[in-house]
Amino acid sequence: MNKYGILGSGSIGCYIGSHLAKAGNPVIFLGRENLGKEIEQNQGIDISDFREKKWKLSREKFSYQTNPE
């Protein structure tokens, strides 16, 4: 199985990465500390698309890092 790293996890990166994680792929998001804190408080990522399809990617389905090391 492929592992995916999403560098610069903003709106688009989180959207794409969430689809990969939802499909069962291991995903590591790399982004800013403030987004990491928001994800922790929300216990995941809330995703929606232009068709108003919505879902929540729980924190257990992915890893979020702020340091590229």
C-alpha atoms as a PDB file:
ATOM      1  CA  MET A   1       0.000   0.000   0.000  1.00  0.00           C
ATOM      2  CA  ASN A   2       1.249   3.487  -0.841  1.00  0.00           C
ATOM      3  CA  LYS A   3       1.915   6.050   1.863  1.00  0.00           C
ATOM      4  CA  TYR A   4       1.039   9.668   1.107  1.00  0.00           C
ATOM      5  CA  GLY A   5       2.502  12.877   2.464  1.00  0.00           C
ATOM      6  CA  ILE A   6       0.576  16.093   1.934  1.00  0.00           C
ATOM      7  CA  LEU A   7       2.986  19.029   2.200  1.00  0.00           C
ATOM      8  CA  GLY A   8       1.452  22.416   2.906  1.00  0.00           C
ATOM      9  CA  SER A   9      -1.859  21.092   4.161  1.00  0.00           C
ATOM     10  CA  GLY A  10      -4.312  23.883   3.529  1.00  0.00           C
ATOM     11  CA  SER A  11      -7.811  23.639   2.109  1.00  0.00           C
ATOM     12  CA  ILE A  12      -6.879  21.758  -1.041  1.00  0.00           C
ATOM     13  CA  GLY A  13      -4.263  19.533   0.589  1.00  0.00           C
ATOM     14  CA  CYS A  14      -6.643  18.528   3.375  1.00  0.00           C
ATOM     15  CA  TYR A  15      -9.397  17.825   0.853  1.00  0.00           C
ATOM     16  CA  ILE A  16      -7.200  15.584  -1.317  1.00  0.00           C
ATOM     17  CA  GLY A  17      -5.532  13.917   1.651  1.00  0.00           C
ATOM     18  CA  SER A  18      -8.873  13.224   3.297  1.00  0.00           C
ATOM     19  CA  HIS A  19     -10.038  11.339   0.210  1.00  0.00           C
ATOM     20  CA  LEU A  20      -6.864   9.260   0.284  1.00  0.00           C
ATOM     21  CA  ALA A  21      -7.264   8.535   3.999  1.00  0.00           C
ATOM     22  CA  LYS A  22     -10.972   7.775   3.618  1.00  0.00           C
ATOM     23  CA  ALA A  23     -10.027   5.158   1.022  1.00  0.00           C
ATOM     24  CA  GLY A  24      -7.798   3.487   3.626  1.00  0.00           C
ATOM     25  CA  ASN A  25      -4.406   4.860   2.593  1.00  0.00           C
ATOM     26  CA  PRO A  26      -1.904   6.003   5.234  1.00  0.00           C
ATOM     27  CA  VAL A  27      -1.663   9.808   5.051  1.00  0.00           C
ATOM     28  CA  ILE A  28       0.617  12.262   6.826  1.00  0.00           C
ATOM     29  CA  PHE A  29      -0.335  15.927   6.604  1.00  0.00           C
ATOM     30  CA  LEU A  30       2.406  18.524   7.065  1.00  0.00           C
ATOM     31  CA  GLY A  31       1.143  21.988   7.884  1.00  0.00           C
ATOM     32  CA  ARG A  32       1.061  24.953  10.199  1.00  0.00           C
ATOM     33  CA  GLU A  33       0.805  24.646  13.945  1.00  0.00           C
ATOM     34  CA  ASN A  34      -2.481  26.593  14.141  1.00  0.00           C
ATOM     35  CA  LEU A  35      -4.216  24.113  11.818  1.00  0.00           C
ATOM     36  CA  GLY A  36      -2.841  21.223  13.849  1.00  0.00           C
ATOM     37  CA  LYS A  37      -4.355  22.742  16.993  1.00  0.00           C
ATOM     38  CA  GLU A  38      -7.690  23.197  15.244  1.00  0.00           C
ATOM     39  CA  ILE A  39      -7.653  19.568  14.093  1.00  0.00           C
ATOM     40  CA  GLU A  40      -6.927  18.419  17.658  1.00  0.00           C
ATOM     41  CA  GLN A  41      -9.757  20.543  19.089  1.00  0.00           C
ATOM     42  CA  ASN A  42     -12.150  19.300  16.406  1.00  0.00           C
ATOM     43  CA  GLN A  43     -10.843  15.706  16.753  1.00  0.00           C
ATOM     44  CA  GLY A  44     -10.498  15.430  13.003  1.00  0.00           C
ATOM     45  CA  ILE A  45     -11.101  17.269   9.756  1.00  0.00           C
ATOM     46  CA  ASP A  46     -14.547  18.315   8.525  1.00  0.00           C
ATOM     47  CA  ILE A  47     -14.700  18.023   4.737  1.00  0.00           C
ATOM     48  CA  SER A  48     -17.273  19.303   2.266  1.00  0.00           C
ATOM     49  CA  ASP A  49     -17.396  19.718  -1.491  1.00  0.00           C
ATOM     50  CA  PHE A  50     -19.247  21.939  -3.946  1.00  0.00           C
ATOM     51  CA  ARG A  51     -22.159  19.463  -4.041  1.00  0.00           C
ATOM     52  CA  GLU A  52     -22.488  19.976  -0.274  1.00  0.00           C
ATOM     53  CA  LYS A  53     -21.417  16.400   0.430  1.00  0.00           C
ATOM     54  CA  LYS A  54     -19.967  16.451   3.952  1.00  0.00           C
ATOM     55  CA  TRP A  55     -18.065  14.037   6.168  1.00  0.00           C
ATOM     56  CA  LYS A  56     -15.634  14.030   9.064  1.00  0.00           C
ATOM     57  CA  LEU A  57     -12.241  12.365   8.890  1.00  0.00           C
ATOM     58  CA  SER A  58     -11.523  11.214  12.431  1.00  0.00           C
ATOM     59  CA  ARG A  59      -8.114  11.906  13.965  1.00  0.00           C
ATOM     60  CA  GLU A  60      -7.271   8.184  14.081  1.00  0.00           C
ATOM     61  CA  LYS A  61      -7.321   7.944  10.265  1.00  0.00           C
ATOM     62  CA  PHE A  62      -4.300  10.192   9.615  1.00  0.00           C
ATOM     63  CA  SER A  63      -1.223  11.821  11.091  1.00  0.00           C
ATOM     64  CA  TYR A  64      -0.651  15.577  11.272  1.00  0.00           C
ATOM     65  CA  GLN A  65       2.861  16.999  11.663  1.00  0.00           C
ATOM     66  CA  THR A  66       4.220  20.532  11.856  1.00  0.00           C
ATOM     67  CA  ASN A  67       7.888  19.606  11.481  1.00  0.00           C
ATOM     68  CA  PRO A  68       9.163  18.058   8.226  1.00  0.00           C
ATOM     69  CA  GLU A  69      11.812  16.082  10.087  1.00  0.00           C
END
